[in-house]
Amino acid sequence: MTVVPAGVLHKRLYSASVIALALALFGLLLLSPWQTRQRVSPWQVVGASSSGRWRTLKHWCQAVVEGRLWQSMRGRVAQGPVRQVAHRSASALSGYALPSPQPVPLVVQVFHGAALAA
């Protein structure tokens, strides 16, 4: 048995909120995979073959399409280009965020919504 902090998704090294943040940065703010990795990943040292890219982002998008990250997202995100899947996923996750009396940036809504989208 492995014990991880609350919010870490099954068989993932990142929390649901951080994965959603990466999807939002890539899909909504149109950052490159490398720029997204620099903002999200705690590991700053990468191998030579990974320089300038982030394959994990593609794997997360595929997992969302297959319904392996959030059960509530199963069947809500269709297969497509990686950026399009990230965009649709982030948009859907933002809908799970609790209402706020003040305007909140969409990326923040995605971050909070992912924590609630079991």
N, C-alpha and C. Protein backbone atom coordinates (compact mmCIF):
# COMPACT_ATOMS: atom_id res chain seq x y z
N MET A 1 0.84 -1.17 0.00
CA MET A 1 0.00 0.00 0.00
C MET A 1 0.89 1.24 0.00
N THR A 2 0.53 2.20 -0.84
CA THR A 2 1.25 3.48 -0.91
C THR A 2 0.35 4.57 -0.38
N VAL A 3 0.88 5.38 0.50
CA VAL A 3 0.12 6.49 1.07
C VAL A 3 0.60 7.79 0.43
N VAL A 4 -0.35 8.56 -0.08
CA VAL A 4 -0.03 9.84 -0.72
C VAL A 4 -0.94 10.92 -0.14
N PRO A 5 -0.60 12.17 -0.33
CA PRO A 5 -1.47 13.25 0.15
C PRO A 5 -2.83 13.21 -0.54
N ALA A 6 -3.83 13.75 0.13
CA ALA A 6 -5.17 13.84 -0.45
C ALA A 6 -5.10 14.64 -1.74
N GLY A 7 -5.86 14.22 -2.71
CA GLY A 7 -5.89 14.94 -3.99
C GLY A 7 -4.96 14.37 -5.04
N VAL A 8 -4.01 13.52 -4.65
CA VAL A 8 -3.13 12.89 -5.65
C VAL A 8 -3.94 11.79 -6.33
N LEU A 9 -3.96 11.83 -7.63
CA LEU A 9 -4.73 10.85 -8.39
C LEU A 9 -4.05 9.49 -8.40
N HIS A 10 -4.86 8.46 -8.58
CA HIS A 10 -4.37 7.08 -8.58
C HIS A 10 -3.26 6.88 -9.61
N LYS A 11 -2.14 6.37 -9.16
CA LYS A 11 -0.98 6.06 -10.00
C LYS A 11 -0.39 7.30 -10.70
N ARG A 12 -0.52 8.46 -10.07
CA ARG A 12 0.04 9.70 -10.61
C ARG A 12 0.94 10.33 -9.57
N LEU A 13 1.89 11.13 -10.00
CA LEU A 13 2.78 11.84 -9.08
C LEU A 13 2.30 13.26 -8.82
N TYR A 14 1.18 13.63 -9.41
CA TYR A 14 0.65 14.98 -9.29
C TYR A 14 -0.78 14.93 -8.74
N SER A 15 -1.18 16.02 -8.10
CA SER A 15 -2.55 16.11 -7.62
C SER A 15 -3.49 16.40 -8.79
N ALA A 16 -4.76 16.15 -8.56
CA ALA A 16 -5.77 16.42 -9.59
C ALA A 16 -5.74 17.89 -10.00
N SER A 17 -5.57 18.77 -9.02
CA SER A 17 -5.57 20.20 -9.30
C SER A 17 -4.38 20.62 -10.15
N VAL A 18 -3.23 20.05 -9.90
CA VAL A 18 -2.03 20.42 -10.67
C VAL A 18 -2.12 19.87 -12.09
N ILE A 19 -2.65 18.67 -12.25
CA ILE A 19 -2.85 18.14 -13.60
C ILE A 19 -3.82 19.04 -14.37
N ALA A 20 -4.90 19.44 -13.71
CA ALA A 20 -5.86 20.33 -14.35
C ALA A 20 -5.22 21.68 -14.69
N LEU A 21 -4.37 22.18 -13.80
CA LEU A 21 -3.67 23.43 -14.07
C LEU A 21 -2.82 23.30 -15.33
N ALA A 22 -2.12 22.18 -15.46
CA ALA A 22 -1.30 21.95 -16.66
C ALA A 22 -2.18 21.92 -17.91
N LEU A 23 -3.32 21.25 -17.82
CA LEU A 23 -4.24 21.21 -18.97
C LEU A 23 -4.74 22.61 -19.32
N ALA A 24 -5.01 23.42 -18.30
CA ALA A 24 -5.49 24.78 -18.55
C ALA A 24 -4.40 25.66 -19.16
N LEU A 25 -3.20 25.56 -18.65
CA LEU A 25 -2.10 26.36 -19.20
C LEU A 25 -1.84 26.01 -20.66
N PHE A 26 -1.89 24.73 -20.96
CA PHE A 26 -1.64 24.26 -22.32
C PHE A 26 -2.85 24.48 -23.23
N GLY A 27 -4.04 24.13 -22.75
CA GLY A 27 -5.23 24.17 -23.60
C GLY A 27 -5.93 25.51 -23.67
N LEU A 28 -5.91 26.28 -22.59
CA LEU A 28 -6.62 27.56 -22.57
C LEU A 28 -5.70 28.75 -22.79
N LEU A 29 -4.54 28.74 -22.14
CA LEU A 29 -3.60 29.86 -22.30
C LEU A 29 -2.62 29.65 -23.44
N LEU A 30 -2.68 28.46 -24.06
CA LEU A 30 -1.89 28.13 -25.24
C LEU A 30 -0.37 28.19 -25.02
N LEU A 31 0.06 27.84 -23.80
CA LEU A 31 1.50 27.73 -23.55
C LEU A 31 2.01 26.47 -24.24
N SER A 32 3.27 26.44 -24.57
CA SER A 32 3.86 25.24 -25.16
C SER A 32 3.97 24.16 -24.07
N PRO A 33 4.12 22.90 -24.46
CA PRO A 33 4.31 21.86 -23.44
C PRO A 33 5.51 22.17 -22.53
N TRP A 34 6.58 22.68 -23.09
CA TRP A 34 7.77 22.98 -22.29
C TRP A 34 7.49 24.12 -21.31
N GLN A 35 6.81 25.18 -21.75
CA GLN A 35 6.46 26.28 -20.85
C GLN A 35 5.53 25.80 -19.74
N THR A 36 4.62 24.91 -20.10
CA THR A 36 3.71 24.35 -19.11
C THR A 36 4.49 23.55 -18.08
N ARG A 37 5.41 22.74 -18.55
CA ARG A 37 6.23 21.94 -17.63
C ARG A 37 7.03 22.82 -16.68
N GLN A 38 7.59 23.90 -17.18
CA GLN A 38 8.39 24.79 -16.35
C GLN A 38 7.55 25.43 -15.24
N ARG A 39 6.27 25.62 -15.48
CA ARG A 39 5.40 26.24 -14.47
C ARG A 39 4.80 25.24 -13.51
N VAL A 40 4.72 23.97 -13.90
CA VAL A 40 3.98 22.99 -13.10
C VAL A 40 4.89 21.95 -12.44
N SER A 41 5.89 21.50 -13.13
CA SER A 41 6.71 20.39 -12.63
C SER A 41 7.72 20.86 -11.59
N PRO A 42 7.81 20.13 -10.47
CA PRO A 42 8.82 20.48 -9.47
C PRO A 42 10.23 20.03 -9.88
N TRP A 43 10.31 19.17 -10.89
CA TRP A 43 11.60 18.66 -11.33
C TRP A 43 12.15 19.56 -12.43
N GLN A 44 13.16 20.31 -12.10
CA GLN A 44 13.74 21.26 -13.05
C GLN A 44 14.82 20.62 -13.92
N VAL A 45 15.38 19.51 -13.47
CA VAL A 45 16.41 18.82 -14.24
C VAL A 45 15.73 17.72 -15.05
N VAL A 46 15.93 17.75 -16.37
CA VAL A 46 15.33 16.74 -17.25
C VAL A 46 16.41 16.14 -18.13
N GLY A 47 16.15 14.96 -18.62
CA GLY A 47 17.10 14.30 -19.50
C GLY A 47 17.19 14.99 -20.85
N ALA A 48 18.24 14.71 -21.57
CA ALA A 48 18.47 15.34 -22.87
C ALA A 48 17.34 15.03 -23.85
N SER A 49 16.76 13.84 -23.78
CA SER A 49 15.70 13.47 -24.72
C SER A 49 14.38 14.18 -24.42
N SER A 50 14.25 14.74 -23.21
CA SER A 50 13.01 15.42 -22.83
C SER A 50 13.10 16.93 -22.93
N SER A 51 14.24 17.44 -23.27
CA SER A 51 14.42 18.89 -23.33
C SER A 51 13.50 19.51 -24.37
N GLY A 52 12.76 20.51 -23.96
CA GLY A 52 11.89 21.23 -24.88
C GLY A 52 10.51 20.64 -25.07
N ARG A 53 10.18 19.58 -24.34
CA ARG A 53 8.85 18.97 -24.49
C ARG A 53 8.41 18.36 -23.17
N TRP A 54 7.20 17.81 -23.16
CA TRP A 54 6.69 17.16 -21.96
C TRP A 54 5.67 16.11 -22.37
N ARG A 55 6.13 14.89 -22.48
CA ARG A 55 5.27 13.80 -22.93
C ARG A 55 4.13 13.49 -21.96
N THR A 56 4.35 13.77 -20.68
CA THR A 56 3.34 13.49 -19.67
C THR A 56 2.04 14.20 -19.97
N LEU A 57 2.12 15.39 -20.52
CA LEU A 57 0.92 16.16 -20.87
C LEU A 57 0.05 15.38 -21.86
N LYS A 58 0.68 14.78 -22.84
CA LYS A 58 -0.05 13.96 -23.82
C LYS A 58 -0.68 12.75 -23.15
N HIS A 59 0.05 12.13 -22.23
CA HIS A 59 -0.48 10.96 -21.51
C HIS A 59 -1.69 11.35 -20.66
N TRP A 60 -1.62 12.52 -20.01
CA TRP A 60 -2.76 12.97 -19.21
C TRP A 60 -3.97 13.22 -20.09
N CYS A 61 -3.78 13.82 -21.25
CA CYS A 61 -4.90 14.07 -22.16
C CYS A 61 -5.55 12.75 -22.59
N GLN A 62 -4.74 11.78 -22.90
CA GLN A 62 -5.27 10.47 -23.28
C GLN A 62 -6.03 9.83 -22.11
N ALA A 63 -5.50 9.98 -20.90
CA ALA A 63 -6.17 9.43 -19.72
C ALA A 63 -7.51 10.11 -19.46
N VAL A 64 -7.61 11.41 -19.75
CA VAL A 64 -8.88 12.11 -19.59
C VAL A 64 -9.90 11.57 -20.58
N VAL A 65 -9.48 11.42 -21.83
CA VAL A 65 -10.38 10.88 -22.87
C VAL A 65 -10.90 9.50 -22.46
N GLU A 66 -10.02 8.70 -21.89
CA GLU A 66 -10.39 7.33 -21.49
C GLU A 66 -11.10 7.28 -20.14
N GLY A 67 -11.24 8.43 -19.46
CA GLY A 67 -11.94 8.48 -18.18
C GLY A 67 -11.15 7.90 -17.02
N ARG A 68 -9.81 7.93 -17.12
CA ARG A 68 -8.97 7.35 -16.07
C ARG A 68 -8.50 8.35 -15.02
N LEU A 69 -8.74 9.64 -15.20
CA LEU A 69 -8.30 10.62 -14.21
C LEU A 69 -9.44 11.05 -13.31
N TRP A 70 -10.54 11.49 -13.89
CA TRP A 70 -11.70 11.91 -13.12
C TRP A 70 -12.89 11.09 -13.59
N GLN A 71 -13.50 10.34 -12.68
CA GLN A 71 -14.65 9.52 -13.04
C GLN A 71 -15.80 10.38 -13.57
N SER A 72 -15.95 11.57 -13.02
CA SER A 72 -17.04 12.45 -13.45
C SER A 72 -16.85 12.97 -14.87
N MET A 73 -15.65 12.83 -15.41
CA MET A 73 -15.36 13.31 -16.77
C MET A 73 -15.52 12.20 -17.81
N ARG A 74 -15.78 10.99 -17.35
CA ARG A 74 -15.90 9.86 -18.28
C ARG A 74 -16.94 10.15 -19.36
N GLY A 75 -16.53 10.08 -20.61
CA GLY A 75 -17.42 10.30 -21.74
C GLY A 75 -17.71 11.75 -22.07
N ARG A 76 -17.14 12.69 -21.33
CA ARG A 76 -17.42 14.11 -21.57
C ARG A 76 -16.40 14.76 -22.49
N VAL A 77 -15.24 14.12 -22.67
CA VAL A 77 -14.19 14.69 -23.51
C VAL A 77 -13.89 13.71 -24.63
N ALA A 78 -14.08 14.16 -25.87
CA ALA A 78 -13.86 13.29 -27.02
C ALA A 78 -12.40 13.30 -27.46
N GLN A 79 -12.02 12.26 -28.14
CA GLN A 79 -10.68 12.15 -28.72
C GLN A 79 -10.46 13.29 -29.70
N GLY A 80 -9.23 13.74 -29.82
CA GLY A 80 -8.89 14.80 -30.75
C GLY A 80 -7.45 15.20 -30.57
N PRO A 81 -7.04 16.31 -31.19
CA PRO A 81 -5.68 16.80 -30.99
C PRO A 81 -5.45 17.10 -29.50
N VAL A 82 -4.21 16.93 -29.06
CA VAL A 82 -3.88 17.05 -27.64
C VAL A 82 -4.31 18.41 -27.08
N ARG A 83 -4.02 19.49 -27.78
CA ARG A 83 -4.39 20.81 -27.26
C ARG A 83 -5.90 20.96 -27.15
N GLN A 84 -6.63 20.41 -28.10
CA GLN A 84 -8.10 20.48 -28.07
C GLN A 84 -8.65 19.68 -26.89
N VAL A 85 -8.09 18.52 -26.63
CA VAL A 85 -8.51 17.70 -25.48
C VAL A 85 -8.21 18.45 -24.19
N ALA A 86 -7.04 19.07 -24.09
CA ALA A 86 -6.67 19.84 -22.90
C ALA A 86 -7.65 21.00 -22.70
N HIS A 87 -7.99 21.67 -23.78
CA HIS A 87 -8.93 22.80 -23.71
C HIS A 87 -10.29 22.34 -23.20
N ARG A 88 -10.83 21.29 -23.81
CA ARG A 88 -12.15 20.79 -23.41
C ARG A 88 -12.14 20.28 -21.98
N SER A 89 -11.07 19.60 -21.60
CA SER A 89 -10.96 19.07 -20.23
C SER A 89 -10.94 20.19 -19.21
N ALA A 90 -10.09 21.19 -19.46
CA ALA A 90 -9.98 22.31 -18.53
C ALA A 90 -11.31 23.06 -18.43
N SER A 91 -11.95 23.26 -19.56
CA SER A 91 -13.24 23.96 -19.55
C SER A 91 -14.27 23.19 -18.73
N ALA A 92 -14.34 21.88 -18.92
CA ALA A 92 -15.30 21.06 -18.17
C ALA A 92 -14.97 21.06 -16.67
N LEU A 93 -13.70 20.99 -16.32
CA LEU A 93 -13.30 20.98 -14.91
C LEU A 93 -13.61 22.31 -14.22
N SER A 94 -13.55 23.40 -14.96
CA SER A 94 -13.86 24.71 -14.36
C SER A 94 -15.30 24.75 -13.86
N GLY A 95 -16.16 23.96 -14.47
CA GLY A 95 -17.56 23.92 -14.05
C GLY A 95 -17.78 23.31 -12.68
N TYR A 96 -16.82 22.59 -12.15
CA TYR A 96 -16.93 21.99 -10.83
C TYR A 96 -16.53 22.95 -9.71
N ALA A 97 -15.93 24.08 -10.05
CA ALA A 97 -15.49 25.04 -9.04
C ALA A 97 -16.71 25.67 -8.35
N LEU A 98 -16.56 25.95 -7.08
CA LEU A 98 -17.62 26.60 -6.33
C LEU A 98 -17.76 28.05 -6.80
N PRO A 99 -18.97 28.58 -6.77
CA PRO A 99 -19.16 29.98 -7.17
C PRO A 99 -18.38 30.93 -6.25
N SER A 100 -17.98 32.04 -6.81
CA SER A 100 -17.23 33.03 -6.05
C SER A 100 -17.91 34.38 -6.19
N PRO A 101 -17.95 35.17 -5.10
CA PRO A 101 -18.58 36.49 -5.20
C PRO A 101 -17.78 37.46 -6.08
N GLN A 102 -16.49 37.20 -6.24
CA GLN A 102 -15.62 38.04 -7.06
C GLN A 102 -15.23 37.26 -8.32
N PRO A 103 -15.00 37.95 -9.42
CA PRO A 103 -14.52 37.25 -10.63
C PRO A 103 -13.19 36.54 -10.35
N VAL A 104 -13.10 35.31 -10.82
CA VAL A 104 -11.90 34.49 -10.62
C VAL A 104 -11.38 34.09 -11.99
N PRO A 105 -10.07 34.18 -12.23
CA PRO A 105 -9.53 33.75 -13.51
C PRO A 105 -9.91 32.29 -13.82
N LEU A 106 -10.14 32.01 -15.08
CA LEU A 106 -10.55 30.67 -15.50
C LEU A 106 -9.57 29.60 -15.04
N VAL A 107 -8.28 29.89 -15.11
CA VAL A 107 -7.27 28.91 -14.71
C VAL A 107 -7.43 28.56 -13.23
N VAL A 108 -7.77 29.52 -12.42
CA VAL A 108 -7.99 29.28 -10.98
C VAL A 108 -9.24 28.43 -10.79
N GLN A 109 -10.28 28.70 -11.56
CA GLN A 109 -11.50 27.89 -11.48
C GLN A 109 -11.20 26.44 -11.85
N VAL A 110 -10.38 26.24 -12.87
CA VAL A 110 -10.01 24.88 -13.27
C VAL A 110 -9.27 24.18 -12.13
N PHE A 111 -8.32 24.87 -11.52
CA PHE A 111 -7.54 24.31 -10.41
C PHE A 111 -8.46 23.85 -9.28
N HIS A 112 -9.39 24.72 -8.86
CA HIS A 112 -10.30 24.38 -7.76
C HIS A 112 -11.34 23.35 -8.19
N GLY A 113 -11.82 23.45 -9.41
CA GLY A 113 -12.81 22.50 -9.90
C GLY A 113 -12.30 21.08 -9.96
N ALA A 114 -11.04 20.92 -10.32
CA ALA A 114 -10.46 19.57 -10.42
C ALA A 114 -10.44 18.87 -9.08
N ALA A 115 -10.23 19.62 -8.02
CA ALA A 115 -10.21 19.03 -6.68
C ALA A 115 -11.59 18.50 -6.27
N LEU A 116 -12.62 19.07 -6.85
CA LEU A 116 -13.98 18.66 -6.50
C LEU A 116 -14.59 17.67 -7.49
N ALA A 117 -13.96 17.49 -8.62
CA ALA A 117 -14.49 16.60 -9.67
C ALA A 117 -13.99 15.18 -9.44
N ALA A 118 -14.59 14.50 -8.55
CA ALA A 118 -14.14 13.14 -8.18
C ALA A 118 -14.22 12.16 -9.31
